[in-house]
């Protein structure tokens, strides 16, 4: 079910005090500033410029709320880890992200973007280790998977899943490509599960394929 399609911009905030009243479930999207987060959101939404794509990583400075047709919200968080951003601004972003992720009562899960060529950086590990104790699910999108050939992409996915195995089913991972638009349906199945909408997506429990956008074939 294409739950991200027809998403509509609702509000942007720069400070925790500007957070709107909780209204429907919220799914946060986070990642390093060069992980392709905005491109991934645009691909999921089927919209060229729903989320701003900057040529300079680290330019997204706000929490941006996009309302979905199902009533939930996709919340685009500022990218983290970009060294060229002044320290004062990085502290402000950090405080905004921390307040939202720790205190937002209707936040139901985190979609975390990582560049498939450089996954599981120290900052990514810190984000997972910090958010996981909340008990809410985390789904990792290994973006830009089109930059890797099939074999290395599969090896990366297996390595990341092995690295995350200690968290059990709370943390899942998949390959994703905004350029080739692969991995969209798998991400949608995961999030519909978070929203309790699996009855609308009967294949939601099927195992992920060996590459983004495909399913593993059963021998015979």
N, C-alpha and C. Protein backbone atom coordinates (compact mmCIF):
# COMPACT_ATOMS: atom_id res chain seq x y z
N UNK A 1 0.85 -1.20 0.00
CA UNK A 1 0.00 0.00 0.00
C UNK A 1 0.88 1.24 0.00
N UNK A 2 0.73 2.16 -0.95
CA UNK A 2 1.61 3.33 -1.05
C UNK A 2 1.22 4.42 -0.05
N UNK A 3 1.50 4.17 1.22
CA UNK A 3 1.04 5.11 2.25
C UNK A 3 1.73 6.46 2.19
N UNK A 4 2.92 6.53 1.59
CA UNK A 4 3.64 7.80 1.55
C UNK A 4 3.18 8.69 0.40
N UNK A 5 2.48 8.12 -0.57
CA UNK A 5 2.03 8.91 -1.72
C UNK A 5 1.04 9.98 -1.28
N UNK A 6 1.08 11.10 -1.99
CA UNK A 6 0.18 12.24 -1.74
C UNK A 6 0.40 12.88 -0.37
N UNK A 7 1.61 12.71 0.18
CA UNK A 7 1.94 13.40 1.43
C UNK A 7 1.87 14.91 1.22
N UNK A 8 1.38 15.62 2.22
CA UNK A 8 1.23 17.06 2.13
C UNK A 8 2.01 17.74 3.24
N UNK A 9 2.78 18.77 2.86
CA UNK A 9 3.52 19.54 3.87
C UNK A 9 2.55 20.17 4.86
N UNK A 10 2.91 20.10 6.14
CA UNK A 10 2.04 20.65 7.17
C UNK A 10 2.68 21.79 7.94
N UNK A 11 3.89 21.58 8.47
CA UNK A 11 4.53 22.63 9.27
C UNK A 11 6.02 22.35 9.39
N UNK A 12 6.81 23.41 9.56
CA UNK A 12 8.23 23.30 9.88
C UNK A 12 8.47 23.99 11.21
N UNK A 13 9.33 23.40 12.03
CA UNK A 13 9.65 24.03 13.30
C UNK A 13 11.16 24.08 13.49
N UNK A 14 11.62 25.10 14.21
CA UNK A 14 13.04 25.29 14.45
C UNK A 14 13.42 25.07 15.91
N UNK A 15 12.43 25.07 16.81
CA UNK A 15 12.69 24.93 18.23
C UNK A 15 11.68 23.95 18.85
N UNK A 16 12.09 23.25 19.90
CA UNK A 16 11.16 22.31 20.54
C UNK A 16 9.85 22.96 20.96
N UNK A 17 9.91 24.23 21.34
CA UNK A 17 8.69 24.92 21.77
C UNK A 17 7.68 25.07 20.64
N UNK A 18 8.14 24.89 19.40
CA UNK A 18 7.24 25.04 18.26
C UNK A 18 6.55 23.76 17.84
N UNK A 19 6.82 22.64 18.53
CA UNK A 19 6.20 21.38 18.17
C UNK A 19 4.67 21.49 18.21
N UNK A 20 3.99 21.04 17.17
CA UNK A 20 2.53 21.10 17.16
C UNK A 20 1.95 20.08 18.14
N UNK A 21 0.69 20.26 18.54
CA UNK A 21 0.06 19.25 19.41
C UNK A 21 0.07 17.89 18.72
N UNK A 22 0.28 16.80 19.47
CA UNK A 22 0.27 15.46 18.87
C UNK A 22 -1.05 15.19 18.16
N UNK A 23 -0.97 14.76 16.93
CA UNK A 23 -2.18 14.50 16.15
C UNK A 23 -1.90 13.36 15.18
N UNK A 24 -2.20 12.15 15.59
CA UNK A 24 -1.93 10.99 14.76
C UNK A 24 -0.52 10.47 14.98
N UNK A 25 -0.27 9.24 14.57
CA UNK A 25 1.05 8.63 14.71
C UNK A 25 2.08 9.36 13.85
N UNK A 26 3.33 9.38 14.33
CA UNK A 26 4.41 10.03 13.59
C UNK A 26 5.56 9.06 13.37
N UNK A 27 6.13 9.09 12.18
CA UNK A 27 7.29 8.28 11.82
C UNK A 27 8.42 9.23 11.50
N UNK A 28 9.52 9.15 12.24
CA UNK A 28 10.65 10.06 12.04
C UNK A 28 11.62 9.48 11.01
N UNK A 29 12.18 10.36 10.18
CA UNK A 29 13.19 10.00 9.20
C UNK A 29 14.46 10.76 9.55
N UNK A 30 15.55 10.01 9.76
CA UNK A 30 16.81 10.62 10.18
C UNK A 30 17.97 10.01 9.41
N UNK A 31 19.13 10.64 9.53
CA UNK A 31 20.32 10.11 8.88
C UNK A 31 21.41 11.15 8.77
N UNK A 32 22.60 10.70 8.45
CA UNK A 32 23.70 11.63 8.22
C UNK A 32 23.34 12.58 7.08
N UNK A 33 23.98 13.73 7.09
CA UNK A 33 23.63 14.78 6.14
C UNK A 33 23.88 14.39 4.68
N UNK A 34 24.74 13.42 4.44
CA UNK A 34 25.04 13.01 3.06
C UNK A 34 24.51 11.61 2.74
N UNK A 35 23.51 11.16 3.50
CA UNK A 35 23.01 9.80 3.33
C UNK A 35 21.88 9.69 2.31
N UNK A 36 21.47 10.81 1.71
CA UNK A 36 20.41 10.76 0.72
C UNK A 36 19.02 10.71 1.33
N UNK A 37 18.86 11.31 2.51
CA UNK A 37 17.58 11.26 3.22
C UNK A 37 16.47 11.96 2.44
N UNK A 38 16.70 13.18 1.99
CA UNK A 38 15.66 13.91 1.28
C UNK A 38 15.27 13.22 -0.02
N UNK A 39 16.26 12.68 -0.73
CA UNK A 39 15.96 11.96 -1.97
C UNK A 39 15.11 10.73 -1.68
N UNK A 40 15.41 10.04 -0.58
CA UNK A 40 14.64 8.84 -0.22
C UNK A 40 13.19 9.21 0.10
N UNK A 41 13.00 10.30 0.84
CA UNK A 41 11.64 10.75 1.17
C UNK A 41 10.88 11.11 -0.10
N UNK A 42 11.52 11.83 -1.00
CA UNK A 42 10.87 12.20 -2.25
C UNK A 42 10.48 10.97 -3.07
N UNK A 43 11.35 9.97 -3.08
CA UNK A 43 11.06 8.74 -3.82
C UNK A 43 9.89 8.00 -3.21
N UNK A 44 9.87 7.87 -1.89
CA UNK A 44 8.77 7.19 -1.21
C UNK A 44 7.45 7.91 -1.45
N UNK A 45 7.50 9.23 -1.49
CA UNK A 45 6.29 10.02 -1.66
C UNK A 45 5.88 10.17 -3.11
N UNK A 46 6.77 9.78 -4.05
CA UNK A 46 6.48 9.95 -5.45
C UNK A 46 6.40 11.41 -5.83
N UNK A 47 7.23 12.22 -5.18
CA UNK A 47 7.20 13.68 -5.37
C UNK A 47 8.63 14.16 -5.59
N UNK A 48 8.84 14.99 -6.61
CA UNK A 48 10.19 15.42 -6.96
C UNK A 48 10.82 16.28 -5.88
N UNK A 49 10.04 17.19 -5.27
CA UNK A 49 10.62 18.13 -4.31
C UNK A 49 9.78 18.25 -3.04
N UNK A 50 9.25 17.14 -2.54
CA UNK A 50 8.53 17.21 -1.27
C UNK A 50 9.50 17.60 -0.16
N UNK A 51 10.61 16.88 -0.08
CA UNK A 51 11.67 17.22 0.87
C UNK A 51 12.78 17.90 0.10
N UNK A 52 13.35 18.94 0.68
CA UNK A 52 14.36 19.73 -0.01
C UNK A 52 15.65 18.96 -0.17
N UNK A 53 16.16 18.90 -1.40
CA UNK A 53 17.43 18.24 -1.69
C UNK A 53 18.47 19.32 -1.96
N UNK A 54 19.43 19.46 -1.06
CA UNK A 54 20.45 20.49 -1.21
C UNK A 54 21.73 19.93 -1.78
N UNK A 55 22.42 20.73 -2.57
CA UNK A 55 23.73 20.32 -3.07
C UNK A 55 24.77 20.38 -1.97
N UNK A 56 24.45 21.09 -0.90
CA UNK A 56 25.36 21.19 0.24
C UNK A 56 24.77 20.42 1.41
N UNK A 57 25.33 19.27 1.79
CA UNK A 57 24.81 18.51 2.93
C UNK A 57 24.78 19.36 4.19
N UNK A 58 23.77 19.12 5.02
CA UNK A 58 23.69 19.84 6.28
C UNK A 58 22.85 21.09 6.23
N UNK A 59 22.11 21.32 5.13
CA UNK A 59 21.33 22.54 4.99
C UNK A 59 19.93 22.43 5.59
N UNK A 60 19.42 21.22 5.77
CA UNK A 60 18.10 21.06 6.36
C UNK A 60 18.19 21.36 7.85
N UNK A 61 17.57 22.46 8.29
CA UNK A 61 17.74 22.92 9.66
C UNK A 61 16.48 22.82 10.50
N UNK A 62 15.42 22.27 9.93
CA UNK A 62 14.13 22.26 10.60
C UNK A 62 13.58 20.85 10.72
N UNK A 63 12.61 20.69 11.63
CA UNK A 63 11.78 19.49 11.63
C UNK A 63 10.61 19.78 10.70
N UNK A 64 10.49 18.99 9.65
CA UNK A 64 9.43 19.20 8.67
C UNK A 64 8.39 18.09 8.78
N UNK A 65 7.14 18.47 8.95
CA UNK A 65 6.03 17.53 9.12
C UNK A 65 5.24 17.43 7.82
N UNK A 66 5.03 16.17 7.37
CA UNK A 66 4.24 15.92 6.16
C UNK A 66 3.10 14.96 6.53
N UNK A 67 1.88 15.40 6.28
CA UNK A 67 0.72 14.59 6.63
C UNK A 67 0.43 13.58 5.52
N UNK A 68 0.21 12.32 5.93
CA UNK A 68 -0.12 11.24 5.00
C UNK A 68 -1.63 11.05 4.94
N UNK A 69 -2.09 10.43 3.87
CA UNK A 69 -3.53 10.22 3.70
C UNK A 69 -4.14 9.38 4.82
N UNK A 70 -3.33 8.48 5.41
CA UNK A 70 -3.84 7.63 6.47
C UNK A 70 -3.98 8.36 7.80
N UNK A 71 -3.54 9.63 7.85
CA UNK A 71 -3.65 10.42 9.06
C UNK A 71 -2.36 10.53 9.85
N UNK A 72 -1.40 9.65 9.57
CA UNK A 72 -0.10 9.71 10.24
C UNK A 72 0.76 10.83 9.64
N UNK A 73 1.89 11.12 10.29
CA UNK A 73 2.81 12.15 9.80
C UNK A 73 4.19 11.55 9.56
N UNK A 74 4.82 11.95 8.47
CA UNK A 74 6.23 11.68 8.23
C UNK A 74 6.97 12.92 8.71
N UNK A 75 7.94 12.73 9.59
CA UNK A 75 8.67 13.86 10.16
C UNK A 75 10.14 13.78 9.74
N UNK A 76 10.55 14.74 8.94
CA UNK A 76 11.91 14.80 8.40
C UNK A 76 12.79 15.57 9.38
N UNK A 77 13.77 14.88 9.97
CA UNK A 77 14.66 15.50 10.95
C UNK A 77 15.90 16.08 10.28
N UNK A 78 16.53 17.09 10.89
CA UNK A 78 17.78 17.62 10.33
C UNK A 78 18.84 16.53 10.25
N UNK A 79 19.62 16.55 9.16
CA UNK A 79 20.72 15.60 9.04
C UNK A 79 21.78 15.85 10.11
N UNK A 80 22.46 14.80 10.51
CA UNK A 80 23.48 14.96 11.56
C UNK A 80 24.86 14.59 11.03
N UNK A 81 25.89 15.11 11.72
CA UNK A 81 27.26 14.69 11.43
C UNK A 81 27.98 15.47 10.36
N UNK A 82 27.45 16.62 9.94
CA UNK A 82 28.15 17.37 8.89
C UNK A 82 29.09 18.38 9.53
N UNK A 83 30.38 18.17 9.40
CA UNK A 83 31.40 18.93 10.13
C UNK A 83 31.42 20.41 9.76
N UNK A 84 31.03 20.77 8.51
CA UNK A 84 31.14 22.16 8.06
C UNK A 84 30.09 23.07 8.68
N UNK A 85 29.08 22.48 9.31
CA UNK A 85 28.07 23.29 9.97
C UNK A 85 28.65 23.85 11.26
N UNK A 86 28.46 25.14 11.55
CA UNK A 86 29.00 25.72 12.78
C UNK A 86 28.55 24.96 14.02
N UNK A 87 29.44 24.88 15.00
CA UNK A 87 29.16 24.10 16.20
C UNK A 87 27.91 24.58 16.92
N UNK A 88 27.67 25.87 16.97
CA UNK A 88 26.48 26.40 17.64
C UNK A 88 25.21 25.85 16.99
N UNK A 89 25.17 25.83 15.66
CA UNK A 89 24.00 25.32 14.95
C UNK A 89 23.85 23.83 15.18
N UNK A 90 24.98 23.11 15.16
CA UNK A 90 24.90 21.67 15.38
C UNK A 90 24.35 21.35 16.76
N UNK A 91 24.71 22.16 17.76
CA UNK A 91 24.17 21.94 19.11
C UNK A 91 22.66 22.21 19.14
N UNK A 92 22.24 23.25 18.43
CA UNK A 92 20.82 23.56 18.37
C UNK A 92 20.04 22.44 17.69
N UNK A 93 20.59 21.94 16.57
CA UNK A 93 19.94 20.81 15.88
C UNK A 93 19.86 19.61 16.80
N UNK A 94 20.98 19.33 17.49
CA UNK A 94 21.02 18.17 18.38
C UNK A 94 19.96 18.27 19.46
N UNK A 95 19.80 19.46 20.03
CA UNK A 95 18.79 19.64 21.06
C UNK A 95 17.38 19.47 20.52
N UNK A 96 17.16 19.95 19.30
CA UNK A 96 15.85 19.81 18.67
C UNK A 96 15.53 18.34 18.40
N UNK A 97 16.50 17.63 17.82
CA UNK A 97 16.30 16.21 17.52
C UNK A 97 16.11 15.40 18.80
N UNK A 98 16.95 15.66 19.80
CA UNK A 98 16.86 14.90 21.05
C UNK A 98 15.52 15.10 21.72
N UNK A 99 15.08 16.36 21.80
CA UNK A 99 13.79 16.63 22.44
C UNK A 99 12.66 15.93 21.72
N UNK A 100 12.68 15.98 20.40
CA UNK A 100 11.61 15.34 19.64
C UNK A 100 11.62 13.83 19.82
N UNK A 101 12.79 13.21 19.65
CA UNK A 101 12.86 11.75 19.72
C UNK A 101 12.61 11.21 21.13
N UNK A 102 12.97 11.96 22.15
CA UNK A 102 12.81 11.48 23.52
C UNK A 102 11.43 11.76 24.09
N UNK A 103 10.82 12.87 23.67
CA UNK A 103 9.62 13.32 24.36
C UNK A 103 8.34 13.26 23.53
N UNK A 104 8.45 13.03 22.24
CA UNK A 104 7.25 13.04 21.41
C UNK A 104 6.42 11.79 21.66
N UNK A 105 5.28 11.94 22.28
CA UNK A 105 4.50 10.80 22.75
C UNK A 105 3.87 9.99 21.62
N UNK A 106 3.62 10.60 20.47
CA UNK A 106 2.96 9.88 19.38
C UNK A 106 3.94 9.42 18.30
N UNK A 107 5.24 9.48 18.60
CA UNK A 107 6.26 8.96 17.69
C UNK A 107 6.29 7.44 17.82
N UNK A 108 6.08 6.72 16.70
CA UNK A 108 5.98 5.25 16.79
C UNK A 108 7.18 4.51 16.23
N UNK A 109 8.08 5.19 15.52
CA UNK A 109 9.22 4.49 14.97
C UNK A 109 10.16 5.43 14.22
N UNK A 110 11.36 4.94 13.95
CA UNK A 110 12.41 5.73 13.30
C UNK A 110 12.90 5.00 12.05
N UNK A 111 12.86 5.70 10.92
CA UNK A 111 13.48 5.21 9.70
C UNK A 111 14.83 5.91 9.58
N UNK A 112 15.90 5.12 9.60
CA UNK A 112 17.25 5.66 9.65
C UNK A 112 17.98 5.40 8.34
N UNK A 113 18.38 6.47 7.66
CA UNK A 113 19.08 6.36 6.39
C UNK A 113 20.59 6.26 6.60
N UNK A 114 21.20 5.30 5.88
CA UNK A 114 22.66 5.17 5.85
C UNK A 114 23.10 4.98 4.41
N UNK A 115 24.18 5.61 4.01
CA UNK A 115 24.76 5.37 2.69
C UNK A 115 25.26 3.93 2.65
N UNK A 116 24.78 3.15 1.70
CA UNK A 116 25.15 1.73 1.64
C UNK A 116 26.64 1.52 1.42
N UNK A 117 27.35 2.54 0.95
CA UNK A 117 28.79 2.41 0.75
C UNK A 117 29.57 2.69 2.03
N UNK A 118 28.90 3.32 3.00
CA UNK A 118 29.55 3.66 4.27
C UNK A 118 28.54 3.51 5.41
N UNK A 119 28.02 2.30 5.62
CA UNK A 119 27.00 2.12 6.67
C UNK A 119 27.61 1.98 8.06
N UNK A 120 26.74 2.14 9.04
CA UNK A 120 27.10 1.89 10.44
C UNK A 120 28.31 2.72 10.88
N UNK A 121 28.26 4.03 10.59
CA UNK A 121 29.29 4.93 11.10
C UNK A 121 29.11 5.06 12.60
N UNK A 122 30.05 5.68 13.25
CA UNK A 122 29.97 5.85 14.70
C UNK A 122 28.72 6.64 15.09
N UNK A 123 28.40 7.67 14.32
CA UNK A 123 27.20 8.46 14.62
C UNK A 123 25.92 7.66 14.40
N UNK A 124 25.91 6.80 13.38
CA UNK A 124 24.75 5.92 13.17
C UNK A 124 24.58 4.98 14.35
N UNK A 125 25.68 4.41 14.80
CA UNK A 125 25.62 3.51 15.95
C UNK A 125 25.13 4.23 17.20
N UNK A 126 25.57 5.46 17.37
CA UNK A 126 25.13 6.24 18.52
C UNK A 126 23.62 6.49 18.46
N UNK A 127 23.12 6.81 17.26
CA UNK A 127 21.69 7.05 17.11
C UNK A 127 20.88 5.80 17.44
N UNK A 128 21.31 4.65 16.92
CA UNK A 128 20.60 3.40 17.20
C UNK A 128 20.68 3.05 18.68
N UNK A 129 21.89 3.14 19.24
CA UNK A 129 22.07 2.81 20.64
C UNK A 129 21.31 3.73 21.57
N UNK A 130 21.12 4.96 21.15
CA UNK A 130 20.40 5.92 21.98
C UNK A 130 18.89 5.75 21.87
N UNK A 131 18.39 5.46 20.64
CA UNK A 131 16.94 5.37 20.43
C UNK A 131 16.37 4.00 20.78
N UNK A 132 17.15 2.96 20.60
CA UNK A 132 16.64 1.60 20.79
C UNK A 132 16.05 1.35 22.18
N UNK A 133 16.64 1.89 23.26
CA UNK A 133 16.06 1.63 24.59
C UNK A 133 14.62 2.10 24.74
N UNK A 134 14.14 2.94 23.82
CA UNK A 134 12.75 3.38 23.90
C UNK A 134 11.79 2.23 23.61
N UNK A 135 12.32 1.16 22.97
CA UNK A 135 11.48 0.01 22.63
C UNK A 135 10.75 0.18 21.32
N UNK A 136 10.84 1.35 20.71
CA UNK A 136 10.17 1.58 19.44
C UNK A 136 11.04 1.06 18.29
N UNK A 137 10.43 0.66 17.18
CA UNK A 137 11.20 0.05 16.10
C UNK A 137 12.05 1.05 15.31
N UNK A 138 13.11 0.50 14.73
CA UNK A 138 14.00 1.26 13.85
C UNK A 138 14.14 0.46 12.56
N UNK A 139 13.97 1.14 11.43
CA UNK A 139 14.17 0.49 10.14
C UNK A 139 15.26 1.24 9.39
N UNK A 140 16.31 0.53 9.01
CA UNK A 140 17.46 1.13 8.32
C UNK A 140 17.28 1.02 6.81
N UNK A 141 17.37 2.15 6.13
CA UNK A 141 17.41 2.16 4.67
C UNK A 141 18.85 2.35 4.23
N UNK A 142 19.41 1.35 3.58
CA UNK A 142 20.76 1.45 3.04
C UNK A 142 20.64 2.10 1.66
N UNK A 143 20.77 3.41 1.64
CA UNK A 143 20.51 4.19 0.44
C UNK A 143 21.65 4.10 -0.58
N UNK A 144 21.35 4.61 -1.77
CA UNK A 144 22.33 4.66 -2.87
C UNK A 144 22.85 3.27 -3.22
N UNK A 145 22.00 2.26 -3.05
CA UNK A 145 22.45 0.90 -3.33
C UNK A 145 22.75 0.68 -4.81
N UNK A 146 22.26 1.58 -5.66
CA UNK A 146 22.57 1.49 -7.09
C UNK A 146 24.05 1.74 -7.37
N UNK A 147 24.76 2.33 -6.41
CA UNK A 147 26.19 2.59 -6.57
C UNK A 147 27.01 1.31 -6.39
N UNK A 148 26.37 0.24 -5.91
CA UNK A 148 27.04 -1.03 -5.70
C UNK A 148 26.50 -2.07 -6.67
N UNK A 149 27.33 -2.98 -7.09
CA UNK A 149 26.84 -4.09 -7.91
C UNK A 149 26.10 -5.06 -7.00
N UNK A 150 25.41 -6.02 -7.61
CA UNK A 150 24.53 -6.93 -6.86
C UNK A 150 25.24 -7.65 -5.72
N UNK A 151 26.41 -8.23 -6.00
CA UNK A 151 27.12 -8.99 -4.97
C UNK A 151 27.51 -8.14 -3.77
N UNK A 152 28.25 -7.02 -3.98
CA UNK A 152 28.61 -6.17 -2.85
C UNK A 152 27.40 -5.60 -2.11
N UNK A 153 26.31 -5.30 -2.83
CA UNK A 153 25.11 -4.77 -2.17
C UNK A 153 24.53 -5.81 -1.22
N UNK A 154 24.42 -7.05 -1.69
CA UNK A 154 23.90 -8.11 -0.84
C UNK A 154 24.81 -8.36 0.35
N UNK A 155 26.13 -8.33 0.11
CA UNK A 155 27.08 -8.54 1.20
C UNK A 155 26.96 -7.44 2.25
N UNK A 156 26.75 -6.20 1.80
CA UNK A 156 26.58 -5.08 2.73
C UNK A 156 25.33 -5.27 3.57
N UNK A 157 24.23 -5.65 2.92
CA UNK A 157 22.98 -5.86 3.64
C UNK A 157 23.14 -6.96 4.69
N UNK A 158 23.76 -8.06 4.33
CA UNK A 158 23.95 -9.16 5.28
C UNK A 158 24.83 -8.73 6.44
N UNK A 159 25.88 -7.96 6.15
CA UNK A 159 26.79 -7.52 7.20
C UNK A 159 26.09 -6.57 8.17
N UNK A 160 25.27 -5.66 7.64
CA UNK A 160 24.55 -4.73 8.50
C UNK A 160 23.52 -5.47 9.35
N UNK A 161 22.80 -6.40 8.74
CA UNK A 161 21.82 -7.17 9.51
C UNK A 161 22.49 -7.98 10.61
N UNK A 162 23.67 -8.52 10.33
CA UNK A 162 24.41 -9.27 11.34
C UNK A 162 24.83 -8.34 12.47
N UNK A 163 25.26 -7.13 12.11
CA UNK A 163 25.69 -6.15 13.09
C UNK A 163 24.53 -5.73 14.00
N UNK A 164 23.32 -5.71 13.43
CA UNK A 164 22.15 -5.26 14.17
C UNK A 164 21.40 -6.39 14.87
N UNK A 165 21.87 -7.61 14.69
CA UNK A 165 21.16 -8.78 15.20
C UNK A 165 20.95 -8.74 16.72
N UNK A 166 21.85 -8.08 17.42
CA UNK A 166 21.74 -8.02 18.88
C UNK A 166 20.46 -7.31 19.33
N UNK A 167 19.89 -6.48 18.47
CA UNK A 167 18.67 -5.75 18.82
C UNK A 167 17.41 -6.57 18.53
N UNK A 168 17.58 -7.72 17.92
CA UNK A 168 16.43 -8.56 17.60
C UNK A 168 15.55 -7.92 16.55
N UNK A 169 14.26 -8.27 16.54
CA UNK A 169 13.36 -7.76 15.51
C UNK A 169 13.04 -6.28 15.62
N UNK A 170 13.50 -5.64 16.69
CA UNK A 170 13.24 -4.21 16.85
C UNK A 170 13.90 -3.38 15.75
N UNK A 171 15.07 -3.83 15.26
CA UNK A 171 15.81 -3.09 14.24
C UNK A 171 15.91 -3.94 12.98
N UNK A 172 15.44 -3.42 11.88
CA UNK A 172 15.46 -4.12 10.59
C UNK A 172 16.23 -3.27 9.58
N UNK A 173 16.58 -3.89 8.44
CA UNK A 173 17.37 -3.17 7.44
C UNK A 173 17.04 -3.68 6.04
N UNK A 174 17.21 -2.82 5.05
CA UNK A 174 16.98 -3.17 3.66
C UNK A 174 17.86 -2.29 2.76
N UNK A 175 17.97 -2.70 1.50
CA UNK A 175 18.62 -1.88 0.50
C UNK A 175 17.60 -0.93 -0.11
N UNK A 176 18.08 0.23 -0.57
CA UNK A 176 17.17 1.24 -1.13
C UNK A 176 17.92 2.07 -2.16
N UNK A 177 17.25 2.41 -3.25
CA UNK A 177 17.84 3.28 -4.26
C UNK A 177 16.81 4.30 -4.73
N UNK A 178 17.09 5.58 -4.50
CA UNK A 178 16.21 6.63 -5.00
C UNK A 178 16.32 6.74 -6.51
N UNK A 179 17.51 6.52 -7.04
CA UNK A 179 17.71 6.65 -8.48
C UNK A 179 16.90 5.61 -9.25
N UNK A 180 16.97 4.35 -8.79
CA UNK A 180 16.26 3.27 -9.48
C UNK A 180 14.88 3.00 -8.89
N UNK A 181 14.57 3.73 -7.80
CA UNK A 181 13.27 3.59 -7.14
C UNK A 181 13.01 2.15 -6.70
N UNK A 182 14.02 1.53 -6.15
CA UNK A 182 13.89 0.17 -5.63
C UNK A 182 13.90 0.19 -4.10
N UNK A 183 13.12 -0.70 -3.52
CA UNK A 183 13.03 -0.78 -2.07
C UNK A 183 11.85 -0.04 -1.49
N UNK A 184 11.07 0.63 -2.34
CA UNK A 184 9.94 1.42 -1.85
C UNK A 184 8.88 0.54 -1.20
N UNK A 185 8.49 -0.54 -1.88
CA UNK A 185 7.42 -1.40 -1.35
C UNK A 185 7.82 -2.05 -0.04
N UNK A 186 9.09 -2.44 0.08
CA UNK A 186 9.54 -3.07 1.32
C UNK A 186 9.44 -2.10 2.49
N UNK A 187 9.87 -0.86 2.26
CA UNK A 187 9.78 0.15 3.32
C UNK A 187 8.32 0.40 3.69
N UNK A 188 7.45 0.46 2.70
CA UNK A 188 6.03 0.68 2.97
C UNK A 188 5.44 -0.47 3.80
N UNK A 189 5.85 -1.71 3.52
CA UNK A 189 5.36 -2.85 4.30
C UNK A 189 5.76 -2.74 5.76
N UNK A 190 7.00 -2.31 5.98
CA UNK A 190 7.47 -2.16 7.36
C UNK A 190 6.65 -1.12 8.10
N UNK A 191 6.49 0.05 7.50
CA UNK A 191 5.80 1.15 8.18
C UNK A 191 4.31 0.87 8.34
N UNK A 192 3.67 0.21 7.37
CA UNK A 192 2.27 -0.15 7.56
C UNK A 192 2.11 -1.10 8.75
N UNK A 193 3.12 -1.93 8.99
CA UNK A 193 3.12 -2.79 10.17
C UNK A 193 3.16 -1.98 11.45
N UNK A 194 4.00 -0.95 11.47
CA UNK A 194 4.07 -0.08 12.64
C UNK A 194 2.72 0.58 12.92
N UNK A 195 2.03 0.93 11.83
CA UNK A 195 0.76 1.63 11.95
C UNK A 195 -0.42 0.69 12.19
N UNK A 196 -0.13 -0.62 12.25
CA UNK A 196 -1.19 -1.59 12.45
C UNK A 196 -2.07 -1.75 11.24
N UNK A 197 -1.48 -1.54 10.06
CA UNK A 197 -2.25 -1.60 8.82
C UNK A 197 -1.89 -2.83 8.00
N UNK A 198 -1.34 -3.86 8.63
CA UNK A 198 -0.92 -5.05 7.89
C UNK A 198 -2.06 -5.74 7.17
N UNK A 199 -3.28 -5.57 7.69
CA UNK A 199 -4.41 -6.21 7.03
C UNK A 199 -4.64 -5.60 5.64
N UNK A 200 -4.07 -4.39 5.44
CA UNK A 200 -4.19 -3.75 4.13
C UNK A 200 -3.01 -4.08 3.25
N UNK A 201 -2.02 -4.79 3.82
CA UNK A 201 -0.83 -5.16 3.07
C UNK A 201 -0.52 -6.61 3.37
N UNK A 202 -1.24 -7.58 2.79
CA UNK A 202 -1.15 -8.99 3.17
C UNK A 202 0.23 -9.59 3.01
N UNK A 203 1.11 -8.99 2.20
CA UNK A 203 2.45 -9.55 2.03
C UNK A 203 3.47 -8.90 2.95
N UNK A 204 3.00 -8.18 3.97
CA UNK A 204 3.91 -7.41 4.81
C UNK A 204 4.90 -8.30 5.54
N UNK A 205 4.52 -9.54 5.83
CA UNK A 205 5.41 -10.40 6.61
C UNK A 205 6.37 -11.21 5.75
N UNK A 206 6.32 -11.04 4.43
CA UNK A 206 7.22 -11.80 3.57
C UNK A 206 8.66 -11.39 3.80
N UNK A 207 9.62 -12.31 3.71
CA UNK A 207 11.01 -11.96 3.92
C UNK A 207 11.51 -11.01 2.86
N UNK A 208 12.46 -10.16 3.28
CA UNK A 208 13.04 -9.22 2.33
C UNK A 208 13.84 -9.97 1.28
N UNK A 209 13.88 -9.40 0.08
CA UNK A 209 14.64 -10.03 -1.00
C UNK A 209 16.12 -9.84 -0.84
N UNK A 210 16.90 -10.44 -1.76
CA UNK A 210 18.35 -10.34 -1.64
C UNK A 210 18.88 -9.04 -2.21
N UNK A 211 18.07 -8.33 -2.99
CA UNK A 211 18.44 -6.99 -3.42
C UNK A 211 17.20 -6.13 -3.31
N UNK A 212 17.41 -4.80 -3.22
CA UNK A 212 16.28 -3.90 -3.07
C UNK A 212 15.34 -4.04 -4.25
N UNK A 213 14.05 -4.14 -3.91
CA UNK A 213 13.03 -4.18 -4.94
C UNK A 213 12.78 -5.54 -5.51
N UNK A 214 13.49 -6.61 -5.04
CA UNK A 214 13.25 -7.94 -5.52
C UNK A 214 13.00 -8.85 -4.34
N UNK A 215 12.53 -10.08 -4.63
CA UNK A 215 12.29 -11.05 -3.57
C UNK A 215 13.10 -12.30 -3.86
N UNK A 216 13.53 -12.92 -2.80
CA UNK A 216 14.33 -14.12 -2.96
C UNK A 216 13.50 -15.24 -3.57
N UNK A 217 14.01 -15.90 -4.57
CA UNK A 217 13.30 -17.00 -5.21
C UNK A 217 13.52 -18.28 -4.44
N UNK A 218 12.46 -19.06 -4.32
CA UNK A 218 12.55 -20.35 -3.64
C UNK A 218 12.94 -21.42 -4.63
N UNK A 219 14.00 -22.17 -4.37
CA UNK A 219 14.42 -23.21 -5.30
C UNK A 219 13.29 -24.20 -5.58
N UNK A 220 13.25 -24.70 -6.82
CA UNK A 220 12.26 -25.70 -7.17
C UNK A 220 11.00 -25.08 -7.72
